[in-house]
Amino acid sequence: MADDHTTQAFGIYGSRLASLNPTPTLDKIANEGMIFDNCYVTNSICTPSRATILTGQYSQANGVLDLEGVLPTENQYLPAEIKKLGYQTALIGKYHLSSKPNFDYYNVLTAHGEQGTYFDPVLTETGMNFALENDPKFEGKKYEGHSSDVITDISIDWLKNKRDKSKPFMLMYQFKAPHDNFEYAPRYKDYLNDTYIPEPASLYHNGNNGSVATRGANDSLINVIGSSVSRRNTIRSMGMTMWDKSSIKDSNPEFNPSQKLYDFISDKEYTHETYQEYLKRYLRCVKGVDDNVARMIQFLKDEGLYDNTIIVYTGDQGFMLGEHDYIDKRWMYEESMRMPFFVRYPKLIQPGSRTDAIINNADFAPTLIELAGGNPPEQMQGHSFESILKTAKEPEGWQQSTYYRYWMHMAHKHANPAHFGIRTKRYKLIFFYGKYWVDTKDMKATWNKESWGNSFEMDTPAAWEFYDLKVDPNEMNNAYNELEYAETITDLKKQLIAKRKELNEEDGDKFPHIQKVIDAHWND
């Protein structure tokens, strides 16, 4: 699993970047197995997504709503169940869940808010005291080199020298890359250097995407909501950090932007230059992931393990690469919500197979447990798609939609309003309710007021958005008020009510300040 590796940055998903051939190794693995075209995250932010993957539960059920959530060791159900089946378990690389991992072996990034650093990262290994960097009892070891190389070295070393070779294994091999600030290994400094990176049209012209919830009345909030590539967002944009001298020193030491980028060129030129540099840094990090996966694959082949190992690749969510002039993730928009996901296992899966069945990250754990010969525990809310892997067909009664909820609200200067919604194969319905999950108007309420860059107390307008993805795959037209879709939207709202009830994702008595907004605007 990589961090923020979005479907646009692959060849297999046919995006505008596919012609750049950014992932030849990963594409080859994918084409030797099954590719999922409709895999979605349930909450597009690192910690909640990782909690969902380990628990098979949605955010409200597992208790990890946002980046400050902690997943108790005993609630890490996936490794616990896999261990019961006789597997030795290991977790290496990015973890980001604060509690001690429930794995036989772990060696995970614990410094810098558990993000780790791109260069010379500090990791905490089994046998050391597990604590985070600000804890006096913190123990860690610094490794020299780029994190993608280091994480691969440690993973191969565990497979070769530390595991019990009499047992089957489950290794979760998890990169920091390509999380921002996109610090790539120096060997990639010339990669794509003279290449034009195709740009999304919505970077410059966003059509009828969004609503009063994302733009404000009369566009009064467009400079605040949603971090941007362009200068649009005056609080957080890609250029603010990317053209910063210290950022350049870390990310691209040889880059020397002219002064005109700061002061003199037009907005369109600035956006173009910023996007080109942003994507090149991002794709250089992706290249490092792809090349390290190639090292891992070669090791598995050399050890005779390649065809007898279920290989799964995914990201922890999607990522906006300039679409709608957005960066980062968090949104329910397609590029942020959609996850790369493919599985190779020739004993079970027909090479070259592909499915449009809807799955999400709550379904990963039940599926892996079944593939290992077990039965998912009752507390898991996800559904195993083992039969889809075997047959390339959706079983009768398979889910026809997926639920999404972003809880944080106006966080880290990315400033995404809280929202939830439902996506079917054709339609997407989103409700922005615009409040933090803690009632900041309650004088007795407590929350982390020291957390960086948050505007939790800022309520934003409530609004609905609806997209017909068959005719509008790029989500350029919010068709919520178009009469031809009235019946469809009514039906989707009924489905949304049912999903929220089924998944314990309702607000009700738990979050009455949010329920009040839902009640007031449900029939807008």
Protein backbone atom coordinates (compact mmCIF):
# COMPACT_ATOMS: atom_id res chain seq x y z
CA MET A 1 0.00 0.00 0.00
CA ALA A 2 1.22 3.43 -0.92
CA ASP A 3 0.05 6.68 0.65
CA ASP A 4 -2.07 8.93 -1.60
CA HIS A 5 -1.32 6.88 -4.73
CA THR A 6 -4.36 7.76 -6.81
CA THR A 7 -5.82 5.95 -9.83
CA GLN A 8 -4.84 8.80 -12.17
CA ALA A 9 -1.18 7.91 -11.58
CA PHE A 10 -1.32 4.44 -13.17
CA GLY A 11 -1.36 3.15 -16.70
CA ILE A 12 -4.12 0.61 -16.06
CA TYR A 13 -6.84 3.13 -15.23
CA GLY A 14 -6.61 5.02 -18.52
CA SER A 15 -6.28 8.51 -17.07
CA ARG A 16 -4.76 11.49 -18.80
CA LEU A 17 -1.43 10.48 -17.22
CA ALA A 18 -1.49 6.88 -18.49
CA SER A 19 0.53 7.81 -21.59
CA LEU A 20 3.43 8.74 -19.30
CA ASN A 21 3.67 5.08 -18.26
CA PRO A 22 4.11 5.99 -14.57
CA THR A 23 3.73 2.46 -13.14
CA PRO A 24 5.08 -0.26 -15.49
CA THR A 25 5.76 -2.76 -12.69
CA LEU A 26 2.42 -2.25 -10.97
CA ASP A 27 0.55 -2.38 -14.29
CA LYS A 28 2.17 -5.73 -15.09
CA ILE A 29 1.13 -7.19 -11.72
CA ALA A 30 -2.38 -5.84 -12.20
CA ASN A 31 -2.71 -7.30 -15.68
CA GLU A 32 -1.65 -10.69 -14.34
CA GLY A 33 -4.58 -10.62 -11.92
CA MET A 34 -7.86 -8.75 -11.40
CA ILE A 35 -8.29 -4.99 -11.59
CA PHE A 36 -11.14 -3.32 -9.69
CA ASP A 37 -12.52 -0.25 -11.45
CA ASN A 38 -14.99 0.69 -8.71
CA CYS A 39 -13.04 0.52 -5.45
CA TYR A 40 -13.78 3.37 -3.05
CA VAL A 41 -12.64 4.67 0.30
CA THR A 42 -15.23 5.24 3.02
CA ASN A 43 -13.45 8.29 4.53
CA SER A 44 -10.70 9.81 2.39
CA ILE A 45 -8.03 10.60 4.96
CA CYS A 46 -5.06 8.50 6.12
CA THR A 47 -5.79 7.41 9.69
CA PRO A 48 -9.51 6.60 9.27
CA SER A 49 -8.86 4.68 6.04
CA ARG A 50 -6.14 2.60 7.67
CA ALA A 51 -8.42 1.91 10.64
CA THR A 52 -11.16 0.73 8.28
CA ILE A 53 -8.73 -1.58 6.49
CA LEU A 54 -7.63 -3.20 9.79
CA THR A 55 -11.12 -3.46 11.30
CA GLY A 56 -13.48 -4.01 8.38
CA GLN A 57 -15.60 -1.28 9.94
CA TYR A 58 -16.71 2.22 8.99
CA SER A 59 -15.42 5.19 10.95
CA GLN A 60 -18.21 5.57 13.47
CA ALA A 61 -18.12 1.86 14.33
CA ASN A 62 -14.34 1.69 14.78
CA GLY A 63 -14.17 5.08 16.51
CA VAL A 64 -11.48 6.58 14.26
CA LEU A 65 -13.22 9.57 12.71
CA ASP A 66 -10.24 11.73 11.85
CA LEU A 67 -6.45 12.04 11.93
CA GLU A 68 -6.44 12.25 15.73
CA GLY A 69 -8.17 8.90 16.13
CA VAL A 70 -6.44 5.98 17.84
CA LEU A 71 -7.20 2.35 16.99
CA PRO A 72 -6.71 0.15 20.09
CA THR A 73 -4.41 -2.80 19.58
CA GLU A 74 -7.15 -5.28 20.48
CA ASN A 75 -9.45 -3.81 17.81
CA GLN A 76 -7.04 -4.52 14.96
CA TYR A 77 -9.18 -7.44 13.86
CA LEU A 78 -7.53 -8.28 10.54
CA PRO A 79 -4.10 -9.32 11.86
CA ALA A 80 -5.72 -10.98 14.89
CA GLU A 81 -7.91 -13.18 12.68
CA ILE A 82 -5.07 -13.97 10.27
CA LYS A 83 -2.89 -15.07 13.20
CA LYS A 84 -5.65 -17.46 14.33
CA LEU A 85 -5.35 -19.14 10.92
CA GLY A 86 -1.68 -19.96 11.50
CA TYR A 87 -0.14 -17.06 9.62
CA GLN A 88 2.80 -15.04 10.82
CA THR A 89 2.01 -11.35 10.47
CA ALA A 90 4.20 -8.33 9.82
CA LEU A 91 3.62 -4.60 9.31
CA ILE A 92 6.41 -2.48 7.84
CA GLY A 93 6.42 1.21 6.87
CA LYS A 94 3.66 3.72 7.38
CA TYR A 95 1.10 2.82 10.07
CA HIS A 96 -0.37 6.06 11.51
CA LEU A 97 -2.79 4.60 14.09
CA SER A 98 -0.94 5.57 17.32
CA SER A 99 -1.45 2.36 19.32
CA LYS A 100 0.90 -0.63 19.41
CA PRO A 101 0.40 -2.70 16.22
CA ASN A 102 -1.25 -6.08 16.68
CA PHE A 103 1.29 -7.89 14.49
CA ASP A 104 3.88 -10.56 15.26
CA TYR A 105 6.51 -8.23 13.81
CA TYR A 106 6.36 -4.53 13.10
CA ASN A 107 8.79 -1.84 12.08
CA VAL A 108 6.85 1.34 11.50
CA LEU A 109 7.28 5.08 11.05
CA THR A 110 6.71 6.77 14.42
CA ALA A 111 8.40 10.17 14.11
CA HIS A 112 7.00 13.42 12.71
CA GLY A 113 3.42 12.71 13.71
CA GLU A 114 3.76 9.13 12.44
CA GLN A 115 4.18 10.48 8.91
CA GLY A 116 7.89 9.81 9.04
CA THR A 117 10.40 11.67 6.91
CA TYR A 118 11.20 10.98 3.29
CA PHE A 119 14.93 10.85 4.04
CA ASP A 120 16.66 9.04 6.91
CA PRO A 121 13.37 7.96 8.52
CA VAL A 122 13.00 6.86 12.14
CA LEU A 123 11.11 3.60 12.72
CA THR A 124 10.11 1.68 15.84
CA GLU A 125 10.63 -2.08 15.71
CA THR A 126 9.22 -5.00 17.65
CA GLY A 127 11.11 -5.22 20.95
CA MET A 128 11.43 -1.45 21.33
CA ASN A 129 9.00 0.43 23.52
CA PHE A 130 6.13 1.49 21.27
CA ALA A 131 5.45 5.18 21.77
CA LEU A 132 5.16 8.27 19.62
CA GLU A 133 7.93 10.80 19.23
CA ASN A 134 6.65 13.28 21.82
CA ASP A 135 6.48 10.55 24.49
CA PRO A 136 9.47 10.46 26.90
CA LYS A 137 9.50 6.67 26.47
CA PHE A 138 9.85 6.89 22.68
CA GLU A 139 12.29 4.47 21.10
CA GLY A 140 13.25 4.49 17.46
CA LYS A 141 16.04 3.79 15.01
CA LYS A 142 17.16 6.09 12.20
CA TYR A 143 17.78 4.42 8.84
CA GLU A 144 19.86 6.10 6.16
CA GLY A 145 18.36 6.65 2.73
CA HIS A 146 15.05 7.39 1.06
CA SER A 147 12.00 6.00 2.89
CA SER A 148 10.74 3.97 -0.10
CA ASP A 149 14.11 2.20 -0.33
CA VAL A 150 14.38 1.76 3.44
CA ILE A 151 10.87 0.28 3.81
CA THR A 152 11.59 -2.16 0.99
CA ASP A 153 14.97 -3.14 2.48
CA ILE A 154 13.32 -3.87 5.84
CA SER A 155 10.49 -5.82 4.20
CA ILE A 156 12.82 -8.00 2.15
CA ASP A 157 15.04 -8.57 5.18
CA TRP A 158 12.05 -9.76 7.22
CA LEU A 159 10.94 -12.13 4.46
CA LYS A 160 14.45 -13.48 3.98
CA ASN A 161 15.89 -13.58 7.50
CA LYS A 162 13.34 -13.01 10.24
CA ARG A 163 10.11 -14.84 9.47
CA ASP A 164 9.33 -18.42 10.46
CA LYS A 165 9.54 -20.16 7.09
CA SER A 166 7.49 -23.08 8.36
CA LYS A 167 4.43 -20.80 8.43
CA PRO A 168 2.51 -18.87 5.81
CA PHE A 169 2.84 -15.10 6.18
CA MET A 170 0.89 -11.89 5.79
CA LEU A 171 3.12 -8.87 5.23
CA MET A 172 1.63 -5.37 5.05
CA TYR A 173 4.33 -3.47 3.14
CA GLN A 174 3.37 0.20 3.28
CA PHE A 175 5.10 3.21 1.72
CA LYS A 176 5.12 6.81 2.90
CA ALA A 177 5.31 7.92 -0.73
CA PRO A 178 3.78 9.68 -2.58
CA HIS A 179 2.41 11.72 0.34
CA ASP A 180 3.21 15.43 0.15
CA ASN A 181 5.66 17.19 0.20
CA PHE A 182 6.79 14.78 -2.54
CA GLU A 183 10.50 14.47 -1.70
CA TYR A 184 11.84 11.99 -4.22
CA ALA A 185 15.11 10.06 -4.25
CA PRO A 186 17.88 12.05 -6.01
CA ARG A 187 18.21 9.42 -8.75
CA TYR A 188 14.84 10.59 -10.14
CA LYS A 189 15.75 14.26 -10.50
CA ASP A 190 15.77 14.07 -14.32
CA TYR A 191 12.72 11.82 -14.66
CA LEU A 192 10.03 13.69 -16.67
CA ASN A 193 12.24 16.77 -16.61
CA ASP A 194 11.46 17.86 -20.17
CA THR A 195 8.03 16.24 -20.37
CA TYR A 196 4.74 18.11 -20.58
CA ILE A 197 2.33 16.68 -17.99
CA PRO A 198 -1.25 16.61 -19.34
CA GLU A 199 -3.51 18.98 -17.41
CA PRO A 200 -7.17 18.52 -16.44
CA ALA A 201 -9.46 21.05 -18.10
CA SER A 202 -11.15 21.65 -14.73
CA LEU A 203 -7.89 23.06 -13.37
CA TYR A 204 -8.77 26.25 -15.23
CA HIS A 205 -12.53 26.04 -15.82
CA ASN A 206 -14.60 24.25 -13.17
CA GLY A 207 -17.98 24.54 -14.86
CA ASN A 208 -20.92 23.81 -12.58
CA ASN A 209 -18.98 21.61 -10.19
CA GLY A 210 -19.67 22.21 -6.51
CA SER A 211 -22.32 24.22 -4.72
CA VAL A 212 -22.80 26.98 -2.19
CA ALA A 213 -21.23 24.50 0.27
CA THR A 214 -17.91 24.50 -1.60
CA ARG A 215 -17.95 28.03 -3.01
CA GLY A 216 -20.05 30.08 -0.60
CA ALA A 217 -22.91 32.37 -1.54
CA ASN A 218 -21.93 34.32 -4.65
CA ASP A 219 -18.52 32.58 -4.54
CA SER A 220 -17.75 34.29 -1.24
CA LEU A 221 -15.74 31.30 0.07
CA ILE A 222 -13.76 30.23 -3.01
CA ASN A 223 -10.59 31.75 -1.57
CA VAL A 224 -11.00 29.74 1.64
CA ILE A 225 -12.50 26.31 0.90
CA GLY A 226 -10.45 23.58 -0.78
CA SER A 227 -6.67 23.93 -1.08
CA SER A 228 -5.70 24.73 -4.65
CA VAL A 229 -3.02 24.43 -7.31
CA SER A 230 -3.68 27.99 -8.43
CA ARG A 231 -3.61 31.17 -6.38
CA ARG A 232 -7.37 30.80 -5.80
CA ASN A 233 -7.06 29.65 -2.19
CA THR A 234 -5.33 32.45 -0.35
CA ILE A 235 -4.83 30.33 2.80
CA ARG A 236 -3.32 27.16 1.36
CA SER A 237 -2.24 26.52 -2.20
CA MET A 238 0.38 24.23 -3.69
CA GLY A 239 2.60 27.12 -4.74
CA MET A 240 2.82 28.51 -1.21
CA THR A 241 4.90 25.55 -0.10
CA MET A 242 6.29 24.34 -3.39
CA TRP A 243 8.00 27.59 -4.33
CA ASP A 244 9.14 28.14 -0.75
CA LYS A 245 12.93 28.06 -0.58
CA SER A 246 13.09 25.50 2.23
CA SER A 247 10.63 23.26 0.40
CA ILE A 248 12.64 23.50 -2.80
CA LYS A 249 15.79 22.59 -0.86
CA ASP A 250 14.13 19.42 0.46
CA SER A 251 12.11 18.41 -2.57
CA ASN A 252 14.06 19.53 -5.62
CA PRO A 253 17.40 21.11 -4.71
CA GLU A 254 18.41 21.82 -8.29
CA PHE A 255 15.20 23.62 -9.18
CA ASN A 256 15.63 27.37 -9.49
CA PRO A 257 12.35 29.14 -10.21
CA SER A 258 12.66 32.63 -11.54
CA GLN A 259 11.32 35.53 -9.55
CA LYS A 260 8.48 35.95 -12.06
CA LEU A 261 6.72 32.92 -10.55
CA TYR A 262 6.19 34.89 -7.38
CA ASP A 263 5.27 38.29 -8.65
CA PHE A 264 4.99 38.94 -12.32
CA ILE A 265 3.38 36.20 -14.40
CA SER A 266 -0.34 35.83 -15.05
CA ASP A 267 -2.54 33.61 -12.90
CA LYS A 268 -2.85 31.08 -15.71
CA GLU A 269 0.91 30.88 -16.23
CA TYR A 270 1.43 30.54 -12.49
CA THR A 271 -1.13 27.71 -12.31
CA HIS A 272 0.50 25.94 -15.26
CA GLU A 273 4.02 26.20 -13.82
CA THR A 274 2.86 25.11 -10.38
CA TYR A 275 0.91 22.13 -11.74
CA GLN A 276 3.83 20.94 -13.88
CA GLU A 277 6.27 21.01 -10.97
CA TYR A 278 3.70 19.51 -8.57
CA LEU A 279 3.01 16.55 -10.85
CA LYS A 280 6.66 15.91 -11.63
CA ARG A 281 7.53 15.72 -7.94
CA TYR A 282 4.51 13.51 -7.25
CA LEU A 283 5.27 11.16 -10.16
CA ARG A 284 8.94 10.92 -9.18
CA CYS A 285 7.76 9.61 -5.80
CA VAL A 286 5.43 7.20 -7.62
CA LYS A 287 8.36 6.03 -9.75
CA GLY A 288 10.25 5.25 -6.56
CA VAL A 289 7.35 3.12 -5.34
CA ASP A 290 7.07 1.27 -8.66
CA ASP A 291 10.81 0.55 -8.79
CA ASN A 292 10.83 -0.71 -5.21
CA VAL A 293 7.87 -2.98 -5.88
CA ALA A 294 9.95 -4.35 -8.77
CA ARG A 295 12.69 -5.19 -6.24
CA MET A 296 10.15 -6.96 -4.05
CA ILE A 297 8.72 -8.91 -6.99
CA GLN A 298 12.20 -10.03 -8.05
CA PHE A 299 12.88 -11.22 -4.50
CA LEU A 300 9.64 -13.22 -4.44
CA LYS A 301 10.55 -14.80 -7.78
CA ASP A 302 14.06 -15.65 -6.62
CA GLU A 303 12.65 -17.29 -3.49
CA GLY A 304 10.01 -19.25 -5.41
CA LEU A 305 7.22 -17.33 -3.67
CA TYR A 306 5.78 -15.23 -6.48
CA ASP A 307 3.03 -17.50 -7.77
CA ASN A 308 2.16 -18.82 -4.31
CA THR A 309 1.61 -15.39 -2.74
CA ILE A 310 -1.59 -13.36 -2.92
CA ILE A 311 -0.39 -9.91 -3.94
CA VAL A 312 -2.72 -6.99 -3.26
CA TYR A 313 -1.91 -3.40 -4.18
CA THR A 314 -3.83 -0.32 -3.10
CA GLY A 315 -3.48 3.20 -1.76
CA ASP A 316 -5.01 4.47 1.46
CA GLN A 317 -7.35 6.66 -0.64
CA GLY A 318 -7.30 8.65 -3.84
CA PHE A 319 -5.77 12.10 -4.37
CA MET A 320 -6.62 15.25 -6.28
CA LEU A 321 -4.04 16.03 -8.94
CA GLY A 322 -5.39 19.42 -9.93
CA GLU A 323 -8.91 18.31 -10.85
CA HIS A 324 -11.32 21.17 -10.03
CA ASP A 325 -8.19 23.09 -8.96
CA TYR A 326 -7.92 20.93 -5.83
CA ILE A 327 -4.97 19.24 -4.16
CA ASP A 328 -4.90 16.62 -1.37
CA LYS A 329 -7.82 14.22 -0.71
CA ARG A 330 -10.83 14.38 1.71
CA TRP A 331 -13.45 15.15 -0.98
CA MET A 332 -16.12 12.72 -2.15
CA TYR A 333 -15.18 13.76 -5.67
CA GLU A 334 -14.07 10.84 -7.77
CA GLU A 335 -10.31 11.34 -7.81
CA SER A 336 -10.19 11.55 -4.01
CA MET A 337 -12.72 8.80 -3.27
CA ARG A 338 -11.59 6.19 -5.80
CA MET A 339 -8.84 3.80 -4.71
CA PRO A 340 -6.48 1.77 -6.88
CA PHE A 341 -7.00 -1.90 -6.14
CA PHE A 342 -5.84 -5.08 -7.85
CA VAL A 343 -5.03 -8.63 -6.80
CA ARG A 344 -2.68 -11.18 -8.37
CA TYR A 345 -2.89 -14.86 -7.46
CA PRO A 346 -2.75 -17.21 -10.47
CA LYS A 347 -3.99 -20.23 -8.51
CA LEU A 348 -7.33 -18.48 -8.03
CA ILE A 349 -7.59 -15.42 -10.27
CA GLN A 350 -7.71 -15.45 -14.05
CA PRO A 351 -5.01 -13.15 -15.49
CA GLY A 352 -6.32 -10.16 -17.38
CA SER A 353 -9.61 -10.06 -15.48
CA ARG A 354 -11.39 -6.87 -14.54
CA THR A 355 -14.57 -6.00 -12.67
CA ASP A 356 -16.82 -2.99 -12.17
CA ALA A 357 -18.28 -4.47 -8.97
CA ILE A 358 -18.45 -1.87 -6.22
CA ILE A 359 -16.14 -2.56 -3.28
CA ASN A 360 -14.70 -0.34 -0.57
CA ASN A 361 -11.91 -0.49 2.00
CA ALA A 362 -14.22 -1.99 4.66
CA ASP A 363 -14.42 -5.05 2.38
CA PHE A 364 -10.65 -5.69 2.31
CA ALA A 365 -10.34 -7.41 5.70
CA PRO A 366 -13.25 -9.87 5.28
CA THR A 367 -11.89 -10.81 1.85
CA LEU A 368 -8.32 -11.41 3.04
CA ILE A 369 -9.60 -13.52 5.95
CA GLU A 370 -11.67 -15.68 3.61
CA LEU A 371 -8.76 -16.04 1.19
CA ALA A 372 -6.68 -17.30 4.13
CA GLY A 373 -9.34 -19.89 4.92
CA GLY A 374 -11.18 -18.16 7.75
CA ASN A 375 -14.54 -16.59 8.47
CA PRO A 376 -14.82 -12.84 9.06
CA PRO A 377 -15.91 -11.97 12.61
CA GLU A 378 -19.42 -10.60 13.12
CA GLN A 379 -18.26 -7.12 14.06
CA MET A 380 -16.90 -6.53 10.56
CA GLN A 381 -19.28 -4.43 8.45
CA GLY A 382 -17.55 -5.08 5.14
CA HIS A 383 -18.32 -7.93 2.76
CA SER A 384 -15.93 -10.48 1.31
CA PHE A 385 -15.56 -10.33 -2.46
CA GLU A 386 -13.65 -13.63 -2.68
CA SER A 387 -16.22 -15.01 -5.12
CA ILE A 388 -15.67 -12.02 -7.45
CA LEU A 389 -11.94 -12.79 -7.48
CA LYS A 390 -12.67 -16.42 -8.35
CA THR A 391 -15.36 -15.87 -10.98
CA ALA A 392 -14.97 -12.25 -12.17
CA LYS A 393 -18.73 -11.98 -11.67
CA GLU A 394 -20.82 -10.17 -9.07
CA PRO A 395 -22.72 -12.64 -6.88
CA GLU A 396 -26.46 -12.28 -6.66
CA GLY A 397 -27.40 -9.56 -4.18
CA TRP A 398 -23.98 -7.89 -4.23
CA GLN A 399 -23.91 -4.27 -3.03
CA GLN A 400 -24.86 -1.72 -5.69
CA SER A 401 -23.65 1.35 -3.84
CA THR A 402 -21.05 2.56 -1.37
CA TYR A 403 -21.30 5.05 1.49
CA TYR A 404 -18.84 7.85 2.18
CA ARG A 405 -18.33 10.28 5.04
CA TYR A 406 -15.63 12.86 5.68
CA TRP A 407 -15.85 13.90 9.33
CA MET A 408 -13.02 16.35 9.99
CA HIS A 409 -14.38 19.69 8.64
CA MET A 410 -12.20 22.66 7.64
CA ALA A 411 -8.98 21.00 8.78
CA HIS A 412 -5.28 21.73 8.18
CA LYS A 413 -5.97 24.71 5.93
CA HIS A 414 -7.09 22.28 3.24
CA ALA A 415 -10.50 23.45 4.49
CA ASN A 416 -12.84 20.73 3.25
CA PRO A 417 -16.39 20.96 4.65
CA ALA A 418 -17.74 17.85 6.38
CA HIS A 419 -20.05 15.79 4.17
CA PHE A 420 -21.50 12.37 3.47
CA GLY A 421 -23.07 10.66 0.51
CA ILE A 422 -23.74 7.62 -1.62
CA ARG A 423 -22.27 6.45 -4.91
CA THR A 424 -23.79 3.88 -7.25
CA LYS A 425 -22.26 2.75 -10.53
CA ARG A 426 -23.93 5.68 -12.29
CA TYR A 427 -24.84 8.33 -9.74
CA LYS A 428 -23.32 10.23 -6.85
CA LEU A 429 -25.29 12.17 -4.22
CA ILE A 430 -23.43 14.29 -1.65
CA PHE A 431 -24.74 16.24 1.33
CA PHE A 432 -22.45 18.90 2.78
CA TYR A 433 -23.58 19.62 6.34
CA GLY A 434 -20.67 21.90 7.16
CA LYS A 435 -20.02 21.27 10.87
CA TYR A 436 -17.27 19.65 12.92
CA TRP A 437 -18.30 16.45 14.70
CA VAL A 438 -17.73 18.16 18.07
CA ASP A 439 -20.35 20.85 18.72
CA THR A 440 -18.05 23.86 18.90
CA LYS A 441 -20.98 26.08 19.99
CA ASP A 442 -21.41 24.04 23.19
CA MET A 443 -19.57 25.88 25.95
CA LYS A 444 -18.83 22.55 27.68
CA ALA A 445 -17.44 20.85 24.60
CA THR A 446 -13.75 20.01 24.37
CA TRP A 447 -11.56 19.37 21.37
CA ASN A 448 -7.96 19.77 20.35
CA LYS A 449 -7.64 23.50 19.86
CA GLU A 450 -3.87 23.25 19.37
CA SER A 451 -4.10 21.06 16.28
CA TRP A 452 -2.44 22.75 13.35
CA GLY A 453 -4.34 24.73 10.73
CA ASN A 454 -7.89 23.88 11.75
CA SER A 455 -11.01 26.04 11.58
CA PHE A 456 -13.35 23.60 13.30
CA GLU A 457 -15.46 26.44 14.68
CA MET A 458 -16.26 27.78 11.20
CA ASP A 459 -19.63 26.44 10.06
CA THR A 460 -20.05 26.37 6.28
CA PRO A 461 -23.26 26.38 4.20
CA ALA A 462 -25.29 23.19 3.83
CA ALA A 463 -25.98 22.00 0.29
CA TRP A 464 -26.62 18.98 -1.91
CA GLU A 465 -24.68 17.92 -4.98
CA PHE A 466 -25.68 15.30 -7.54
CA TYR A 467 -23.67 13.97 -10.48
CA ASP A 468 -24.70 11.66 -13.30
CA LEU A 469 -21.36 9.97 -13.92
CA LYS A 470 -22.50 8.33 -17.15
CA VAL A 471 -22.93 11.68 -18.92
CA ASP A 472 -20.63 13.69 -16.63
CA PRO A 473 -17.70 11.48 -15.56
CA ASN A 474 -15.58 14.48 -14.60
CA GLU A 475 -18.25 15.85 -12.25
CA MET A 476 -18.52 19.19 -14.00
CA ASN A 477 -22.26 19.65 -13.58
CA ASN A 478 -24.03 19.56 -10.23
CA ALA A 479 -27.42 18.46 -11.53
CA TYR A 480 -29.19 18.43 -8.15
CA ASN A 481 -31.83 20.95 -9.26
CA GLU A 482 -32.50 19.47 -12.70
CA LEU A 483 -36.07 18.16 -12.86
CA GLU A 484 -35.21 15.10 -14.95
CA TYR A 485 -33.27 13.69 -11.96
CA ALA A 486 -35.85 14.42 -9.24
CA GLU A 487 -37.08 10.83 -9.02
CA THR A 488 -33.55 9.43 -9.04
CA ILE A 489 -32.47 11.80 -6.26
CA THR A 490 -35.49 10.87 -4.15
CA ASP A 491 -34.58 7.21 -4.51
CA LEU A 492 -30.92 7.86 -3.66
CA LYS A 493 -31.96 9.71 -0.50
CA LYS A 494 -33.97 6.66 0.55
CA GLN A 495 -30.94 4.46 -0.10
CA LEU A 496 -28.76 6.89 1.85
CA ILE A 497 -31.07 6.74 4.87
CA ALA A 498 -30.99 2.93 4.74
CA LYS A 499 -27.20 2.83 4.41
CA ARG A 500 -26.66 5.18 7.32
CA LYS A 501 -28.92 3.10 9.53
CA GLU A 502 -27.38 -0.21 8.47
CA LEU A 503 -23.83 1.01 9.07
CA ASN A 504 -24.40 2.82 12.38
CA GLU A 505 -23.50 6.07 10.64
CA GLU A 506 -26.54 8.06 11.77
CA ASP A 507 -26.16 11.23 13.82
CA GLY A 508 -29.31 11.37 15.95
CA ASP A 509 -28.60 11.69 19.66
CA LYS A 510 -24.83 11.29 19.23
CA PHE A 511 -24.34 14.41 17.13
CA PRO A 512 -27.55 16.45 17.54
CA HIS A 513 -25.97 19.64 16.16
CA ILE A 514 -25.36 17.79 12.88
CA GLN A 515 -28.77 16.10 12.92
CA LYS A 516 -30.36 19.54 13.19
CA VAL A 517 -28.72 20.55 9.90
CA ILE A 518 -29.74 17.29 8.23
CA ASP A 519 -33.36 17.75 9.29
CA ALA A 520 -33.43 21.37 8.15
CA HIS A 521 -31.97 20.72 4.70
CA TRP A 522 -32.94 17.14 3.78
CA ASN A 523 -35.66 18.28 1.41
CA ASP A 524 -33.90 21.34 -0.01
